[in-house]
Amino acid sequence: MSFLSFLEYLCAKISLLALIIMAGITFVDVFGRVVFNSPLGFAYEVVGICLAISFYAGLYHVHKKRKHIRIDLLEKIFNGRAGQFISWLSYLVEIVFFTALVVMIYQQTIESKNFGEIFMFLGIEKWTVLAVMSVLSAIALTSLLVTFPDSPSEVKE
């Protein structure tokens, strides 16, 4: 098993686990509200954390399979070298913006650690969750960097 395959497997399992936890907490919270008139105080925080972790862990697969949402109108209009140029240009724009996102998440992690922010109900420091998000986004960036755009002849409709 290659290192990239291991990362894909790990990210898929992390994303799946986060979604299961999120669904379970949401069910228990709603059930508690309806049946016992007592919601879980920490549910909002846990669901938000799970959503963020699931999102960033899932981006590895999205980047690898090139299944993200993007506007490919110009690629459909232009064929040949022009279409390939536009495809590569949009790929480079994706890399620039996603790299900026990874850097900003890392900076937010450092700032959160310096300020000592904590979650109100969970009592854990926010920078720990942001650090996980930072690592997962860096792994997703790796997936984007090794997945080059398809040539126009390889695109399947």
Protein backbone atom coordinates (compact mmCIF):
# COMPACT_ATOMS: atom_id res chain seq x y z
CA MET A 1 0.00 0.00 0.00
CA SER A 2 1.46 3.35 -1.02
CA PHE A 3 1.59 6.32 1.32
CA LEU A 4 -1.02 8.21 -0.72
CA SER A 5 -3.35 5.20 -0.64
CA PHE A 6 -2.89 5.03 3.12
CA LEU A 7 -3.75 8.73 3.42
CA GLU A 8 -6.87 8.24 1.32
CA TYR A 9 -7.94 5.27 3.46
CA LEU A 10 -7.24 7.16 6.70
CA CYS A 11 -9.08 10.29 5.59
CA ALA A 12 -12.08 8.26 4.41
CA LYS A 13 -12.32 6.51 7.79
CA ILE A 14 -11.92 9.78 9.72
CA SER A 15 -14.63 11.41 7.61
CA LEU A 16 -16.96 8.46 8.06
CA LEU A 17 -16.40 8.35 11.81
CA ALA A 18 -17.02 12.10 12.14
CA LEU A 19 -20.29 11.79 10.20
CA ILE A 20 -21.45 8.87 12.37
CA ILE A 21 -20.66 10.78 15.56
CA MET A 22 -22.40 13.86 14.19
CA ALA A 23 -25.52 11.88 13.30
CA GLY A 24 -25.54 10.11 16.67
CA ILE A 25 -25.16 13.32 18.67
CA THR A 26 -27.87 15.01 16.60
CA PHE A 27 -30.25 12.08 17.16
CA VAL A 28 -29.62 11.99 20.91
CA ASP A 29 -29.98 15.78 21.14
CA VAL A 30 -33.30 15.86 19.27
CA PHE A 31 -34.58 12.81 21.15
CA GLY A 32 -33.66 14.46 24.45
CA ARG A 33 -35.39 17.68 23.45
CA VAL A 34 -38.61 15.97 22.38
CA VAL A 35 -38.93 13.20 24.96
CA PHE A 36 -37.24 14.62 28.06
CA ASN A 37 -37.32 18.35 27.25
CA SER A 38 -33.59 18.37 27.94
CA PRO A 39 -31.17 18.94 25.06
CA LEU A 40 -27.46 18.16 25.13
CA GLY A 41 -25.60 21.36 25.89
CA PHE A 42 -22.47 20.36 24.01
CA ALA A 43 -24.28 19.06 20.90
CA TYR A 44 -23.81 22.25 18.89
CA GLU A 45 -20.06 22.26 19.49
CA VAL A 46 -19.57 18.55 18.77
CA VAL A 47 -21.65 18.70 15.59
CA GLY A 48 -19.65 21.72 14.38
CA ILE A 49 -16.35 19.99 15.11
CA CYS A 50 -17.46 16.78 13.39
CA LEU A 51 -18.70 18.73 10.37
CA ALA A 52 -15.36 20.52 9.99
CA ILE A 53 -13.33 17.33 10.43
CA SER A 54 -15.54 15.42 8.00
CA PHE A 55 -15.25 18.21 5.44
CA TYR A 56 -11.47 18.49 5.53
CA ALA A 57 -10.93 14.72 5.72
CA GLY A 58 -13.27 14.24 2.75
CA LEU A 59 -11.41 16.78 0.62
CA TYR A 60 -8.59 14.29 0.02
CA HIS A 61 -10.92 12.02 -1.93
CA VAL A 62 -12.63 14.95 -3.68
CA HIS A 63 -9.31 16.32 -4.91
CA LYS A 64 -7.97 12.90 -5.91
CA LYS A 65 -11.03 12.02 -7.99
CA ARG A 66 -11.40 15.62 -9.28
CA LYS A 67 -15.05 15.59 -8.15
CA HIS A 68 -15.21 19.10 -6.75
CA ILE A 69 -17.55 21.74 -8.04
CA ARG A 70 -15.97 24.05 -10.52
CA ILE A 71 -17.04 26.06 -13.49
CA ASP A 72 -15.82 24.31 -16.59
CA LEU A 73 -17.78 26.40 -19.08
CA LEU A 74 -14.65 27.70 -20.79
CA GLU A 75 -13.14 24.22 -20.99
CA LYS A 76 -16.21 23.03 -22.91
CA ILE A 77 -16.09 25.95 -25.34
CA PHE A 78 -12.38 25.72 -26.09
CA ASN A 79 -10.93 22.47 -27.43
CA GLY A 80 -7.36 21.40 -28.07
CA ARG A 81 -4.47 23.42 -26.71
CA ALA A 82 -6.68 26.31 -25.61
CA GLY A 83 -8.89 23.97 -23.58
CA GLN A 84 -5.88 22.29 -22.05
CA PHE A 85 -4.38 25.68 -21.19
CA ILE A 86 -7.61 26.76 -19.48
CA SER A 87 -7.77 23.46 -17.60
CA TRP A 88 -4.22 23.91 -16.31
CA LEU A 89 -4.86 27.56 -15.49
CA SER A 90 -7.90 26.65 -13.38
CA TYR A 91 -5.85 23.90 -11.70
CA LEU A 92 -3.15 26.41 -10.77
CA VAL A 93 -5.79 28.82 -9.41
CA GLU A 94 -7.19 25.97 -7.30
CA ILE A 95 -3.72 25.26 -5.92
CA VAL A 96 -3.08 28.92 -5.08
CA PHE A 97 -6.40 29.40 -3.31
CA PHE A 98 -6.30 26.09 -1.47
CA THR A 99 -2.74 26.73 -0.34
CA ALA A 100 -3.90 30.10 1.01
CA LEU A 101 -6.70 28.28 2.86
CA VAL A 102 -4.24 25.82 4.43
CA VAL A 103 -2.00 28.70 5.55
CA MET A 104 -4.96 30.62 7.01
CA ILE A 105 -6.17 27.60 8.98
CA TYR A 106 -2.66 27.14 10.36
CA GLN A 107 -2.48 30.82 11.31
CA GLN A 108 -5.87 30.56 13.03
CA THR A 109 -4.56 27.56 14.98
CA ILE A 110 -1.58 29.56 16.23
CA GLU A 111 -3.74 32.59 17.13
CA SER A 112 -6.26 30.41 18.96
CA LYS A 113 -3.47 28.77 20.95
CA ASN A 114 -1.95 32.15 21.82
CA PHE A 115 -5.29 33.54 23.00
CA GLY A 116 -6.20 30.38 24.93
CA GLU A 117 -9.68 30.01 23.43
CA ILE A 118 -11.75 27.10 24.72
CA PHE A 119 -15.09 25.60 23.82
CA MET A 120 -17.81 26.71 26.23
CA PHE A 121 -19.40 23.32 26.93
CA LEU A 122 -16.63 20.89 26.06
CA GLY A 123 -13.89 22.76 27.91
CA ILE A 124 -11.20 21.76 25.41
CA GLU A 125 -8.93 24.26 23.72
CA LYS A 126 -10.05 25.27 20.25
CA TRP A 127 -6.55 25.15 18.82
CA THR A 128 -6.50 21.35 19.14
CA VAL A 129 -9.46 21.02 16.78
CA LEU A 130 -8.00 23.65 14.48
CA ALA A 131 -4.71 21.73 14.44
CA VAL A 132 -6.55 18.60 13.28
CA MET A 133 -8.29 20.68 10.59
CA SER A 134 -4.93 22.16 9.59
CA VAL A 135 -3.32 18.74 9.20
CA LEU A 136 -6.30 17.39 7.24
CA SER A 137 -6.32 20.41 4.94
CA ALA A 138 -2.56 19.98 4.32
CA ILE A 139 -3.18 16.33 3.46
CA ALA A 140 -5.96 17.42 1.07
CA LEU A 141 -3.54 19.91 -0.50
CA THR A 142 -1.14 17.01 -1.09
CA SER A 143 -3.91 15.18 -2.92
CA LEU A 144 -4.58 18.24 -5.06
CA LEU A 145 -0.89 18.65 -5.90
CA VAL A 146 -0.47 15.08 -7.16
CA THR A 147 -3.69 15.02 -9.18
CA PHE A 148 -3.17 16.80 -12.47
CA PRO A 149 -5.99 17.91 -14.74
CA ASP A 150 -7.20 15.53 -17.42
CA SER A 151 -6.41 16.32 -20.99
CA PRO A 152 -9.55 17.21 -22.98
CA SER A 153 -9.47 13.82 -24.74
CA GLU A 154 -9.55 11.98 -21.39
CA VAL A 155 -12.57 13.83 -19.99
CA LYS A 156 -15.58 11.55 -19.67
CA GLU A 157 -19.06 13.04 -19.91
